[in-house]
Amino acid sequence: MSRSNDFIYEAVTKLESLINTTIELDSKRKEYDAAITVNENRLNVIAKSAIRDSNIGIVLTPFVNQGDKEKSSILLVAKYISKSSAQLLKDNNLNYLDASGNAYIKINELFIFIEGQKADKYDKDQSRAFQEAGLKLILLLISKPESLTYSYRELSEKTDISIGSVSNIFNELEELKFVLRTKQKRIIKNKTELIERWVIAYNEVLKPRILRKRMKFLQNNDFNALKNSAKKESIVWGGEPAAAIITKNLRPEQFILYSNDELSSLSKTFKLTPNTSGNLEVCEMFWKFENETVTAPPLVVYADLISSGFERNIEMAKIILENEL
C-alpha cells in the first residue's frame, strides 16, 4: 500500500473502535490497494481520495453490470465520501468506508451500517492546470491532438488564455507527468488519469460558472424532431441528447444545450420557458474550436454523463470514453 493511501489505516482503525471488533488489514495486496478481514469475511480494498458528486460516475463505472456477489467482496475506502454519493453506493450495493468511520458493509452474514460520523471537508484540486483556464486548454489538447504542435501564441488565440497562463499551465502539466516535451513535439501521457481529473474539476469548477439558465419545454418534446434544430457552429447538444446522437442507443430524458445565443432566440427555436426545475440546462459554449457535429466535444459529453450517477448514462459514458476519447 502506497504512502498516499495511508488514510486506509485511519479508516480501518476508526471502524474498529466503532464496532468494537478487531479488523485484520493486509496492505501487501498486488491487485488491490489492500484487503481487510472482519469476522472471517475478507474484502478487497479500492482506495479513493474522495468520492463525491463530481466523480461518483467514474467510481461506479467498473461495477456497471456486475452482480451483487462480485460487488460484495469489494470495499471502497476514501478519506471523504459525500452523503449523496454514499447513498448512491448503497443503492448500487457497493460497500464503502470513509476516514470518519461512516460505513456500509454487507457480505455473507456480516452487515455494518454507520452514518452521521462528522467528516472533514475534502480539499478541492488547487492545481492551476485544473482551474478554468487550464480546463479550457486541456479540452483543446484532448479534442484536437494536432494542437499539441501549436505555439503558445496560437494556443492563446484558440482558448482566450494569456500566453503567460498557457506557459504556466504547460509547466504544471509537465510536472504532473501529463505532458512530455521532446525536442520535436509534446505528447499527452497518463491520459486516463488526466481525463478523470479533468472531469472532476470541470464539474466542480467550470460547469457551475457556465450554467446560464434551467428551462423546460412548452410541449412534449420529440427529440428526433428537435435534434436537427441545433447548429454545429453555435448551438450543440451535451449530455444525454449528445449521447443519443453519438451512440444511437439512448432516449434522452434530461437535456443540455451549449450555446452563446440569446436565451430569447433559443426559447423560440426549441419552444422553451424558464423553469428552475426544468429538464433542460442552457450552458455557455466555452470552447472556440469548431464542432464537427451538433454535439459538444466528446470529453464534455463524457463529463456531463458521468456526473449524473445514472447507470444508463454511465454505460453510455463508457462507450464514449472507449470510442471517442
C-alpha atoms as a PDB file:
ATOM      1  CA  MET A   1       0.000   0.000   0.000  1.00  0.00           C
ATOM      2  CA  SER A   2       1.480   3.340  -1.049  1.00  0.00           C
ATOM      3  CA  ARG A   3       2.042   6.110   1.477  1.00  0.00           C
ATOM      4  CA  SER A   4      -0.571   8.236  -0.300  1.00  0.00           C
ATOM      5  CA  ASN A   5      -3.162   5.654   0.796  1.00  0.00           C
ATOM      6  CA  ASP A   6      -2.282   5.863   4.490  1.00  0.00           C
ATOM      7  CA  PHE A   7      -5.859   7.006   5.150  1.00  0.00           C
ATOM      8  CA  ILE A   8      -6.883   3.334   4.800  1.00  0.00           C
ATOM      9  CA  TYR A   9      -5.241   2.699   8.189  1.00  0.00           C
ATOM     10  CA  GLU A  10      -7.085   5.672   9.648  1.00  0.00           C
ATOM     11  CA  ALA A  11     -10.447   4.482   8.291  1.00  0.00           C
ATOM     12  CA  VAL A  12      -9.967   0.867   9.452  1.00  0.00           C
ATOM     13  CA  THR A  13      -8.834   1.958  12.932  1.00  0.00           C
ATOM     14  CA  LYS A  14     -11.873   4.211  13.259  1.00  0.00           C
ATOM     15  CA  LEU A  15     -14.201   1.405  12.181  1.00  0.00           C
ATOM     16  CA  GLU A  16     -12.588  -0.968  14.702  1.00  0.00           C
ATOM     17  CA  SER A  17     -13.349   1.447  17.529  1.00  0.00           C
ATOM     18  CA  LEU A  18     -16.951   1.961  16.403  1.00  0.00           C
ATOM     19  CA  ILE A  19     -17.847  -1.734  16.094  1.00  0.00           C
ATOM     20  CA  ASN A  20     -15.509  -2.908  18.885  1.00  0.00           C
ATOM     21  CA  THR A  21     -14.160  -5.695  16.686  1.00  0.00           C
ATOM     22  CA  THR A  22     -10.612  -6.466  15.602  1.00  0.00           C
ATOM     23  CA  ILE A  23     -10.066  -5.982  11.862  1.00  0.00           C
ATOM     24  CA  GLU A  24      -7.140  -7.623  10.097  1.00  0.00           C
ATOM     25  CA  LEU A  25      -5.501  -5.379   7.484  1.00  0.00           C
ATOM     26  CA  ASP A  26      -3.365  -6.784   4.677  1.00  0.00           C
ATOM     27  CA  SER A  27      -1.508  -3.944   2.961  1.00  0.00           C
ATOM     28  CA  LYS A  28       0.609  -6.081   0.638  1.00  0.00           C
ATOM     29  CA  ARG A  29      -2.019  -6.986  -1.933  1.00  0.00           C
ATOM     30  CA  LYS A  30      -0.861  -6.549  -5.524  1.00  0.00           C
ATOM     31  CA  GLU A  31      -4.133  -6.392  -7.422  1.00  0.00           C
ATOM     32  CA  TYR A  32      -5.865  -4.162  -4.840  1.00  0.00           C
ATOM     33  CA  ASP A  33      -4.780  -1.324  -2.567  1.00  0.00           C
ATOM     34  CA  ALA A  34      -5.257  -3.551   0.498  1.00  0.00           C
ATOM     35  CA  ALA A  35      -7.582  -6.164   1.988  1.00  0.00           C
ATOM     36  CA  ILE A  36      -9.354  -6.392   5.321  1.00  0.00           C
ATOM     37  CA  THR A  37     -10.879  -9.285   7.200  1.00  0.00           C
ATOM     38  CA  VAL A  38     -13.832  -8.722   9.550  1.00  0.00           C
ATOM     39  CA  ASN A  39     -15.275 -11.727  11.387  1.00  0.00           C
ATOM     40  CA  GLU A  40     -13.678 -14.048   8.808  1.00  0.00           C
ATOM     41  CA  ASN A  41     -15.151 -12.040   5.914  1.00  0.00           C
ATOM     42  CA  ARG A  42     -12.445 -10.792   3.525  1.00  0.00           C
ATOM     43  CA  LEU A  43     -12.923  -7.642   1.457  1.00  0.00           C
ATOM     44  CA  ASN A  44     -10.574  -6.274  -1.203  1.00  0.00           C
ATOM     45  CA  VAL A  45      -9.958  -2.555  -0.799  1.00  0.00           C
ATOM     46  CA  ILE A  46     -10.056   0.018  -3.595  1.00  0.00           C
ATOM     47  CA  ALA A  47      -8.804   3.377  -2.318  1.00  0.00           C
ATOM     48  CA  LYS A  48     -10.138   6.751  -3.480  1.00  0.00           C
ATOM     49  CA  SER A  49      -9.007  10.077  -2.077  1.00  0.00           C
ATOM     50  CA  ALA A  50     -12.617  11.293  -2.143  1.00  0.00           C
ATOM     51  CA  ILE A  51     -15.954  10.169  -3.547  1.00  0.00           C
ATOM     52  CA  ARG A  52     -18.355  12.991  -4.335  1.00  0.00           C
ATOM     53  CA  ASP A  53     -20.933  14.085  -6.895  1.00  0.00           C
ATOM     54  CA  SER A  54     -18.282  15.158  -9.402  1.00  0.00           C
ATOM     55  CA  ASN A  55     -16.618  11.724  -9.602  1.00  0.00           C
ATOM     56  CA  ILE A  56     -19.278   9.261  -8.421  1.00  0.00           C
ATOM     57  CA  GLY A  57     -19.932   8.156 -12.004  1.00  0.00           C
ATOM     58  CA  ILE A  58     -16.244   7.366 -12.504  1.00  0.00           C
ATOM     59  CA  VAL A  59     -16.248   5.354  -9.272  1.00  0.00           C
ATOM     60  CA  LEU A  60     -19.348   3.408 -10.350  1.00  0.00           C
ATOM     61  CA  THR A  61     -18.191   2.711 -13.933  1.00  0.00           C
ATOM     62  CA  PRO A  62     -16.198  -0.503 -13.244  1.00  0.00           C
ATOM     63  CA  PHE A  63     -19.197  -2.012 -11.463  1.00  0.00           C
ATOM     64  CA  VAL A  64     -21.836  -1.415 -14.143  1.00  0.00           C
ATOM     65  CA  ASN A  65     -23.483  -4.759 -14.990  1.00  0.00           C
ATOM     66  CA  GLN A  66     -21.593  -6.549 -12.198  1.00  0.00           C
ATOM     67  CA  GLY A  67     -23.569  -8.905  -9.988  1.00  0.00           C
ATOM     68  CA  ASP A  68     -24.123  -8.273  -6.273  1.00  0.00           C
ATOM     69  CA  LYS A  69     -21.960 -11.282  -5.369  1.00  0.00           C
ATOM     70  CA  GLU A  70     -18.955  -9.789  -7.169  1.00  0.00           C
ATOM     71  CA  LYS A  71     -19.570  -6.377  -5.621  1.00  0.00           C
ATOM     72  CA  SER A  72     -19.898  -7.767  -2.089  1.00  0.00           C
ATOM     73  CA  SER A  73     -16.183  -8.668  -1.934  1.00  0.00           C
ATOM     74  CA  ILE A  74     -15.101  -5.081  -2.718  1.00  0.00           C
ATOM     75  CA  LEU A  75     -14.727  -2.265  -0.183  1.00  0.00           C
ATOM     76  CA  LEU A  76     -14.316   1.325  -1.407  1.00  0.00           C
ATOM     77  CA  VAL A  77     -12.293   3.299   1.138  1.00  0.00           C
ATOM     78  CA  ALA A  78     -11.957   7.087   0.874  1.00  0.00           C
ATOM     79  CA  LYS A  79     -10.843   9.991   3.001  1.00  0.00           C
ATOM     80  CA  TYR A  80     -14.177  11.650   2.319  1.00  0.00           C
ATOM     81  CA  ILE A  81     -17.487  10.416   0.896  1.00  0.00           C
ATOM     82  CA  SER A  82     -20.317  12.899   0.370  1.00  0.00           C
ATOM     83  CA  LYS A  83     -23.731  11.986   1.759  1.00  0.00           C
ATOM     84  CA  SER A  84     -25.348  11.823  -1.699  1.00  0.00           C
ATOM     85  CA  SER A  85     -22.504   9.658  -3.053  1.00  0.00           C
ATOM     86  CA  ALA A  86     -22.773   7.311  -0.064  1.00  0.00           C
ATOM     87  CA  GLN A  87     -26.465   6.856  -0.854  1.00  0.00           C
ATOM     88  CA  LEU A  88     -25.675   6.031  -4.488  1.00  0.00           C
ATOM     89  CA  LEU A  89     -23.044   3.498  -3.436  1.00  0.00           C
ATOM     90  CA  LYS A  90     -25.545   1.871  -1.076  1.00  0.00           C
ATOM     91  CA  ASP A  91     -28.236   1.874  -3.788  1.00  0.00           C
ATOM     92  CA  ASN A  92     -25.762   0.052  -6.034  1.00  0.00           C
ATOM     93  CA  ASN A  93     -24.929  -2.491  -3.306  1.00  0.00           C
ATOM     94  CA  LEU A  94     -21.347  -1.301  -3.039  1.00  0.00           C
ATOM     95  CA  ASN A  95     -19.522  -1.444   0.303  1.00  0.00           C
ATOM     96  CA  TYR A  96     -17.823   1.736   1.476  1.00  0.00           C
ATOM     97  CA  LEU A  97     -15.881   3.180   4.399  1.00  0.00           C
ATOM     98  CA  ASP A  98     -14.570   6.702   4.966  1.00  0.00           C
ATOM     99  CA  ALA A  99     -11.886   8.007   7.291  1.00  0.00           C
ATOM    100  CA  SER A 100     -14.509   9.191   9.790  1.00  0.00           C
ATOM    101  CA  GLY A 101     -15.974   5.713  10.148  1.00  0.00           C
ATOM    102  CA  ASN A 102     -19.116   6.104   8.076  1.00  0.00           C
ATOM    103  CA  ALA A 103     -19.618   2.680   6.512  1.00  0.00           C
ATOM    104  CA  TYR A 104     -21.876   0.319   4.636  1.00  0.00           C
ATOM    105  CA  ILE A 105     -20.587  -3.259   4.525  1.00  0.00           C
ATOM    106  CA  LYS A 106     -22.759  -6.211   3.573  1.00  0.00           C
ATOM    107  CA  ILE A 107     -21.140  -9.578   2.867  1.00  0.00           C
ATOM    108  CA  ASN A 108     -22.441 -13.019   3.814  1.00  0.00           C
ATOM    109  CA  GLU A 109     -23.871 -12.713   7.346  1.00  0.00           C
ATOM    110  CA  LEU A 110     -21.946  -9.526   8.121  1.00  0.00           C
ATOM    111  CA  PHE A 111     -23.842  -6.224   7.977  1.00  0.00           C
ATOM    112  CA  ILE A 112     -22.406  -2.899   9.150  1.00  0.00           C
ATOM    113  CA  PHE A 113     -24.119   0.429   8.551  1.00  0.00           C
ATOM    114  CA  ILE A 114     -22.787   3.573  10.220  1.00  0.00           C
ATOM    115  CA  GLU A 115     -23.726   7.125   9.284  1.00  0.00           C
ATOM    116  CA  GLY A 116     -23.610  10.537  10.922  1.00  0.00           C
ATOM    117  CA  GLN A 117     -19.903  10.480  11.775  1.00  0.00           C
ATOM    118  CA  LYS A 118     -18.626  14.003  11.175  1.00  0.00           C
ATOM    119  CA  ALA A 119     -16.340  14.100   8.156  1.00  0.00           C
ATOM    120  CA  ASP A 120     -13.564  16.561   7.417  1.00  0.00           C
ATOM    121  CA  LYS A 121     -14.121  18.658   4.316  1.00  0.00           C
ATOM    122  CA  TYR A 122     -12.200  17.451   1.294  1.00  0.00           C
ATOM    123  CA  ASP A 123      -9.676  19.712  -0.400  1.00  0.00           C
ATOM    124  CA  LYS A 124     -10.524  20.632  -3.973  1.00  0.00           C
ATOM    125  CA  ASP A 125      -7.843  20.437  -6.627  1.00  0.00           C
ATOM    126  CA  GLN A 126      -5.840  23.676  -6.393  1.00  0.00           C
ATOM    127  CA  SER A 127      -3.592  22.959  -9.382  1.00  0.00           C
ATOM    128  CA  ARG A 128      -3.577  25.781 -11.925  1.00  0.00           C
ATOM    129  CA  ALA A 129      -3.968  23.184 -14.677  1.00  0.00           C
ATOM    130  CA  PHE A 130      -7.373  22.209 -13.269  1.00  0.00           C
ATOM    131  CA  GLN A 131      -8.791  25.683 -12.810  1.00  0.00           C
ATOM    132  CA  GLU A 132     -10.869  27.393 -15.507  1.00  0.00           C
ATOM    133  CA  ALA A 133      -8.065  28.375 -17.887  1.00  0.00           C
ATOM    134  CA  GLY A 134      -6.323  25.023 -17.570  1.00  0.00           C
ATOM    135  CA  LEU A 135      -9.550  23.117 -18.184  1.00  0.00           C
ATOM    136  CA  LYS A 136     -10.109  25.025 -21.422  1.00  0.00           C
ATOM    137  CA  LEU A 137      -6.560  24.349 -22.619  1.00  0.00           C
ATOM    138  CA  ILE A 138      -6.692  20.630 -21.745  1.00  0.00           C
ATOM    139  CA  LEU A 139     -10.030  20.316 -23.562  1.00  0.00           C
ATOM    140  CA  LEU A 140      -8.390  21.674 -26.717  1.00  0.00           C
ATOM    141  CA  LEU A 141      -5.362  19.381 -26.388  1.00  0.00           C
ATOM    142  CA  ILE A 142      -7.504  16.261 -25.978  1.00  0.00           C
ATOM    143  CA  SER A 143     -10.155  17.211 -28.545  1.00  0.00           C
ATOM    144  CA  LYS A 144      -7.683  18.364 -31.185  1.00  0.00           C
ATOM    145  CA  PRO A 145      -4.418  16.415 -30.736  1.00  0.00           C
ATOM    146  CA  GLU A 146      -2.800  18.440 -33.512  1.00  0.00           C
ATOM    147  CA  SER A 147      -2.941  21.428 -31.138  1.00  0.00           C
ATOM    148  CA  LEU A 148      -0.034  19.878 -29.202  1.00  0.00           C
ATOM    149  CA  THR A 149       2.182  21.220 -32.001  1.00  0.00           C
ATOM    150  CA  TYR A 150       0.834  24.794 -31.784  1.00  0.00           C
ATOM    151  CA  SER A 151       2.886  27.658 -30.422  1.00  0.00           C
ATOM    152  CA  TYR A 152       1.873  29.291 -27.138  1.00  0.00           C
ATOM    153  CA  ARG A 153       0.587  32.257 -29.140  1.00  0.00           C
ATOM    154  CA  GLU A 154      -1.653  30.025 -31.275  1.00  0.00           C
ATOM    155  CA  LEU A 155      -2.944  28.215 -28.187  1.00  0.00           C
ATOM    156  CA  SER A 156      -3.619  31.569 -26.545  1.00  0.00           C
ATOM    157  CA  GLU A 157      -5.687  32.713 -29.522  1.00  0.00           C
ATOM    158  CA  LYS A 158      -7.667  29.456 -29.661  1.00  0.00           C
ATOM    159  CA  THR A 159      -8.537  29.453 -25.956  1.00  0.00           C
ATOM    160  CA  ASP A 160      -8.688  33.141 -24.945  1.00  0.00           C
ATOM    161  CA  ILE A 161      -5.994  32.411 -22.356  1.00  0.00           C
ATOM    162  CA  SER A 162      -2.980  34.672 -21.946  1.00  0.00           C
ATOM    163  CA  ILE A 163       0.339  33.435 -23.323  1.00  0.00           C
ATOM    164  CA  GLY A 164       1.789  33.547 -19.808  1.00  0.00           C
ATOM    165  CA  SER A 165      -1.010  31.341 -18.478  1.00  0.00           C
ATOM    166  CA  VAL A 166      -0.565  28.863 -21.333  1.00  0.00           C
ATOM    167  CA  SER A 167       3.131  28.613 -20.446  1.00  0.00           C
ATOM    168  CA  ASN A 168       2.418  28.147 -16.725  1.00  0.00           C
ATOM    169  CA  ILE A 169      -0.233  25.501 -17.364  1.00  0.00           C
ATOM    170  CA  PHE A 170       2.105  23.523 -19.632  1.00  0.00           C
ATOM    171  CA  ASN A 171       4.849  23.682 -17.000  1.00  0.00           C
ATOM    172  CA  GLU A 172       2.465  22.266 -14.424  1.00  0.00           C
ATOM    173  CA  LEU A 173       1.166  19.558 -16.773  1.00  0.00           C
ATOM    174  CA  GLU A 174       4.773  18.517 -17.321  1.00  0.00           C
ATOM    175  CA  GLU A 175       5.452  18.450 -13.569  1.00  0.00           C
ATOM    176  CA  LEU A 176       2.322  16.322 -13.086  1.00  0.00           C
ATOM    177  CA  LYS A 177       3.556  13.903 -15.794  1.00  0.00           C
ATOM    178  CA  PHE A 178       0.589  14.580 -18.084  1.00  0.00           C
ATOM    179  CA  VAL A 179       2.669  16.154 -20.860  1.00  0.00           C
ATOM    180  CA  LEU A 180       6.062  15.061 -22.126  1.00  0.00           C
ATOM    181  CA  ARG A 181       8.055  17.612 -24.087  1.00  0.00           C
ATOM    182  CA  THR A 182      10.659  16.350 -26.556  1.00  0.00           C
ATOM    183  CA  LYS A 183      12.791  18.339 -28.977  1.00  0.00           C
ATOM    184  CA  GLN A 184      10.306  17.654 -31.751  1.00  0.00           C
ATOM    185  CA  LYS A 185       6.886  17.687 -30.063  1.00  0.00           C
ATOM    186  CA  ARG A 186       4.689  17.445 -26.983  1.00  0.00           C
ATOM    187  CA  ILE A 187       2.953  14.178 -26.034  1.00  0.00           C
ATOM    188  CA  ILE A 188      -0.042  13.550 -23.753  1.00  0.00           C
ATOM    189  CA  LYS A 189       0.816  10.980 -21.054  1.00  0.00           C
ATOM    190  CA  ASN A 190      -1.338   9.169 -18.472  1.00  0.00           C
ATOM    191  CA  LYS A 191      -4.396  10.137 -20.494  1.00  0.00           C
ATOM    192  CA  THR A 192      -6.880   8.123 -18.430  1.00  0.00           C
ATOM    193  CA  GLU A 193      -5.865   9.872 -15.216  1.00  0.00           C
ATOM    194  CA  LEU A 194      -5.794  13.247 -16.984  1.00  0.00           C
ATOM    195  CA  ILE A 195      -9.362  12.742 -18.214  1.00  0.00           C
ATOM    196  CA  GLU A 196     -10.524  11.694 -14.754  1.00  0.00           C
ATOM    197  CA  ARG A 197      -9.033  14.781 -13.121  1.00  0.00           C
ATOM    198  CA  TRP A 198     -10.426  17.000 -15.887  1.00  0.00           C
ATOM    199  CA  VAL A 199     -13.937  15.602 -15.404  1.00  0.00           C
ATOM    200  CA  ILE A 200     -13.855  16.122 -11.638  1.00  0.00           C
ATOM    201  CA  ALA A 201     -12.537  19.678 -11.936  1.00  0.00           C
ATOM    202  CA  TYR A 202     -14.914  20.511 -14.795  1.00  0.00           C
ATOM    203  CA  ASN A 203     -17.970  19.519 -12.777  1.00  0.00           C
ATOM    204  CA  GLU A 204     -16.724  21.282  -9.644  1.00  0.00           C
ATOM    205  CA  VAL A 205     -15.110  24.417 -11.050  1.00  0.00           C
ATOM    206  CA  LEU A 206     -16.299  25.247 -14.560  1.00  0.00           C
ATOM    207  CA  LYS A 207     -19.763  23.729 -15.026  1.00  0.00           C
ATOM    208  CA  PRO A 208     -21.403  25.860 -12.281  1.00  0.00           C
ATOM    209  CA  ARG A 209     -19.954  29.030 -13.873  1.00  0.00           C
ATOM    210  CA  ILE A 210     -21.177  28.326 -17.398  1.00  0.00           C
ATOM    211  CA  LEU A 211     -24.758  27.369 -16.479  1.00  0.00           C
ATOM    212  CA  ARG A 212     -26.893  30.153 -17.960  1.00  0.00           C
ATOM    213  CA  LYS A 213     -30.454  29.016 -17.306  1.00  0.00           C
ATOM    214  CA  ARG A 214     -32.539  25.982 -16.473  1.00  0.00           C
ATOM    215  CA  MET A 215     -35.612  25.702 -18.680  1.00  0.00           C
ATOM    216  CA  LYS A 216     -38.409  23.362 -19.697  1.00  0.00           C
ATOM    217  CA  PHE A 217     -40.134  22.548 -22.962  1.00  0.00           C
ATOM    218  CA  LEU A 218     -43.530  24.165 -23.527  1.00  0.00           C
ATOM    219  CA  GLN A 219     -44.856  20.975 -25.049  1.00  0.00           C
ATOM    220  CA  ASN A 220     -43.981  17.294 -25.199  1.00  0.00           C
ATOM    221  CA  ASN A 221     -40.587  17.203 -26.807  1.00  0.00           C
ATOM    222  CA  ASP A 222     -39.812  14.770 -29.608  1.00  0.00           C
ATOM    223  CA  PHE A 223     -36.033  14.628 -29.706  1.00  0.00           C
ATOM    224  CA  ASN A 224     -35.963  13.271 -33.247  1.00  0.00           C
ATOM    225  CA  ALA A 225     -37.694  16.467 -34.353  1.00  0.00           C
ATOM    226  CA  LEU A 226     -35.647  18.711 -32.052  1.00  0.00           C
ATOM    227  CA  LYS A 227     -32.122  17.467 -32.648  1.00  0.00           C
ATOM    228  CA  ASN A 228     -31.795  18.982 -36.113  1.00  0.00           C
ATOM    229  CA  SER A 229     -32.594  22.448 -34.747  1.00  0.00           C
ATOM    230  CA  ALA A 230     -29.072  22.552 -33.329  1.00  0.00           C
ATOM    231  CA  LYS A 231     -26.241  24.107 -35.356  1.00  0.00           C
ATOM    232  CA  LYS A 232     -22.687  22.882 -35.006  1.00  0.00           C
ATOM    233  CA  GLU A 233     -21.382  26.463 -35.232  1.00  0.00           C
ATOM    234  CA  SER A 234     -23.444  27.923 -32.388  1.00  0.00           C
ATOM    235  CA  ILE A 235     -25.885  25.503 -30.705  1.00  0.00           C
ATOM    236  CA  VAL A 236     -24.843  21.970 -29.758  1.00  0.00           C
ATOM    237  CA  TRP A 237     -26.196  19.193 -27.568  1.00  0.00           C
ATOM    238  CA  GLY A 238     -24.456  17.911 -24.465  1.00  0.00           C
ATOM    239  CA  GLY A 239     -25.230  15.136 -22.001  1.00  0.00           C
ATOM    240  CA  GLU A 240     -27.958  12.649 -22.839  1.00  0.00           C
ATOM    241  CA  PRO A 241     -29.013  14.200 -26.182  1.00  0.00           C
ATOM    242  CA  ALA A 242     -25.408  14.135 -27.384  1.00  0.00           C
ATOM    243  CA  ALA A 243     -25.067  10.519 -26.251  1.00  0.00           C
ATOM    244  CA  ALA A 244     -28.252   9.643 -28.134  1.00  0.00           C
ATOM    245  CA  ILE A 245     -26.736  11.073 -31.338  1.00  0.00           C
ATOM    246  CA  ILE A 246     -23.267   9.570 -30.836  1.00  0.00           C
ATOM    247  CA  THR A 247     -24.276   6.066 -29.697  1.00  0.00           C
ATOM    248  CA  LYS A 248     -27.744   5.860 -31.283  1.00  0.00           C
ATOM    249  CA  ASN A 249     -28.669   3.921 -28.156  1.00  0.00           C
ATOM    250  CA  LEU A 250     -30.322   6.284 -25.685  1.00  0.00           C
ATOM    251  CA  ARG A 251     -33.609   8.118 -25.317  1.00  0.00           C
ATOM    252  CA  PRO A 252     -32.798  11.418 -23.571  1.00  0.00           C
ATOM    253  CA  GLU A 253     -34.774  12.496 -20.532  1.00  0.00           C
ATOM    254  CA  GLN A 254     -32.508  15.288 -19.285  1.00  0.00           C
ATOM    255  CA  PHE A 255     -31.230  17.825 -21.831  1.00  0.00           C
ATOM    256  CA  ILE A 256     -28.215  20.129 -22.128  1.00  0.00           C
ATOM    257  CA  LEU A 257     -27.659  22.781 -24.784  1.00  0.00           C
ATOM    258  CA  TYR A 258     -24.319  24.583 -25.165  1.00  0.00           C
ATOM    259  CA  SER A 259     -24.776  27.940 -26.853  1.00  0.00           C
ATOM    260  CA  ASN A 260     -23.940  31.627 -26.505  1.00  0.00           C
ATOM    261  CA  ASP A 261     -27.018  32.697 -28.491  1.00  0.00           C
ATOM    262  CA  GLU A 262     -29.604  34.907 -26.826  1.00  0.00           C
ATOM    263  CA  LEU A 263     -31.895  32.962 -24.494  1.00  0.00           C
ATOM    264  CA  SER A 264     -34.914  34.500 -26.211  1.00  0.00           C
ATOM    265  CA  SER A 265     -33.740  33.103 -29.550  1.00  0.00           C
ATOM    266  CA  LEU A 266     -33.117  29.648 -28.067  1.00  0.00           C
ATOM    267  CA  SER A 267     -36.516  29.723 -26.379  1.00  0.00           C
ATOM    268  CA  LYS A 268     -38.202  30.437 -29.689  1.00  0.00           C
ATOM    269  CA  THR A 269     -36.266  27.787 -31.614  1.00  0.00           C
ATOM    270  CA  PHE A 270     -36.734  24.997 -29.077  1.00  0.00           C
ATOM    271  CA  LYS A 271     -40.040  26.214 -27.558  1.00  0.00           C
ATOM    272  CA  LEU A 272     -38.696  26.723 -24.048  1.00  0.00           C
ATOM    273  CA  THR A 273     -39.663  28.640 -20.946  1.00  0.00           C
ATOM    274  CA  PRO A 274     -37.550  29.338 -17.815  1.00  0.00           C
ATOM    275  CA  ASN A 275     -38.136  26.858 -15.016  1.00  0.00           C
ATOM    276  CA  THR A 276     -35.835  26.235 -12.048  1.00  0.00           C
ATOM    277  CA  SER A 277     -36.733  22.533 -12.016  1.00  0.00           C
ATOM    278  CA  GLY A 278     -36.914  22.084 -15.811  1.00  0.00           C
ATOM    279  CA  ASN A 279     -35.184  19.211 -17.565  1.00  0.00           C
ATOM    280  CA  LEU A 280     -33.048  21.371 -19.887  1.00  0.00           C
ATOM    281  CA  GLU A 281     -29.889  23.289 -18.990  1.00  0.00           C
ATOM    282  CA  VAL A 282     -28.549  26.036 -21.224  1.00  0.00           C
ATOM    283  CA  CYS A 283     -24.783  26.429 -20.779  1.00  0.00           C
ATOM    284  CA  GLU A 284     -22.177  28.678 -22.335  1.00  0.00           C
ATOM    285  CA  MET A 285     -20.228  27.249 -25.252  1.00  0.00           C
ATOM    286  CA  PHE A 286     -16.865  27.799 -23.567  1.00  0.00           C
ATOM    287  CA  TRP A 287     -14.584  26.417 -26.307  1.00  0.00           C
ATOM    288  CA  LYS A 288     -13.604  28.215 -29.518  1.00  0.00           C
ATOM    289  CA  PHE A 289     -12.630  25.347 -31.811  1.00  0.00           C
ATOM    290  CA  GLU A 290     -15.162  24.175 -34.376  1.00  0.00           C
ATOM    291  CA  ASN A 291     -17.505  21.290 -33.634  1.00  0.00           C
ATOM    292  CA  GLU A 292     -17.648  18.558 -36.245  1.00  0.00           C
ATOM    293  CA  THR A 293     -21.282  17.694 -35.420  1.00  0.00           C
ATOM    294  CA  VAL A 294     -24.190  19.145 -33.442  1.00  0.00           C
ATOM    295  CA  THR A 295     -22.773  17.592 -30.274  1.00  0.00           C
ATOM    296  CA  ALA A 296     -20.334  19.094 -27.781  1.00  0.00           C
ATOM    297  CA  PRO A 297     -16.752  17.746 -27.738  1.00  0.00           C
ATOM    298  CA  PRO A 298     -16.740  14.098 -26.578  1.00  0.00           C
ATOM    299  CA  LEU A 299     -14.846  14.972 -23.375  1.00  0.00           C
ATOM    300  CA  VAL A 300     -17.591  17.437 -22.377  1.00  0.00           C
ATOM    301  CA  VAL A 301     -20.334  14.914 -23.208  1.00  0.00           C
ATOM    302  CA  TYR A 302     -18.493  12.265 -21.181  1.00  0.00           C
ATOM    303  CA  ALA A 303     -18.255  14.635 -18.203  1.00  0.00           C
ATOM    304  CA  ASP A 304     -21.967  15.501 -18.439  1.00  0.00           C
ATOM    305  CA  LEU A 305     -22.970  11.840 -18.450  1.00  0.00           C
ATOM    306  CA  ILE A 306     -20.583  10.531 -15.827  1.00  0.00           C
ATOM    307  CA  SER A 307     -21.587  13.179 -13.270  1.00  0.00           C
ATOM    308  CA  SER A 308     -25.265  12.191 -13.377  1.00  0.00           C
ATOM    309  CA  GLY A 309     -24.719   8.968 -11.442  1.00  0.00           C
ATOM    310  CA  PHE A 310     -27.402   7.176 -13.511  1.00  0.00           C
ATOM    311  CA  GLU A 311     -26.377   3.675 -14.596  1.00  0.00           C
ATOM    312  CA  ARG A 312     -27.645   4.051 -18.165  1.00  0.00           C
ATOM    313  CA  ASN A 313     -25.678   7.308 -18.556  1.00  0.00           C
ATOM    314  CA  ILE A 314     -22.568   5.706 -17.106  1.00  0.00           C
ATOM    315  CA  GLU A 315     -22.886   2.905 -19.676  1.00  0.00           C
ATOM    316  CA  MET A 316     -23.104   5.495 -22.484  1.00  0.00           C
ATOM    317  CA  ALA A 317     -20.187   7.442 -20.984  1.00  0.00           C
ATOM    318  CA  LYS A 318     -18.087   4.273 -21.027  1.00  0.00           C
ATOM    319  CA  ILE A 319     -18.858   3.780 -24.739  1.00  0.00           C
ATOM    320  CA  ILE A 320     -17.865   7.374 -25.500  1.00  0.00           C
ATOM    321  CA  LEU A 321     -14.661   7.051 -23.466  1.00  0.00           C
ATOM    322  CA  GLU A 322     -13.665   3.893 -25.344  1.00  0.00           C
ATOM    323  CA  ASN A 323     -14.656   5.009 -28.846  1.00  0.00           C
ATOM    324  CA  GLU A 324     -14.354   8.812 -28.928  1.00  0.00           C
ATOM    325  CA  LEU A 325     -11.568   9.637 -26.498  1.00  0.00           C
END
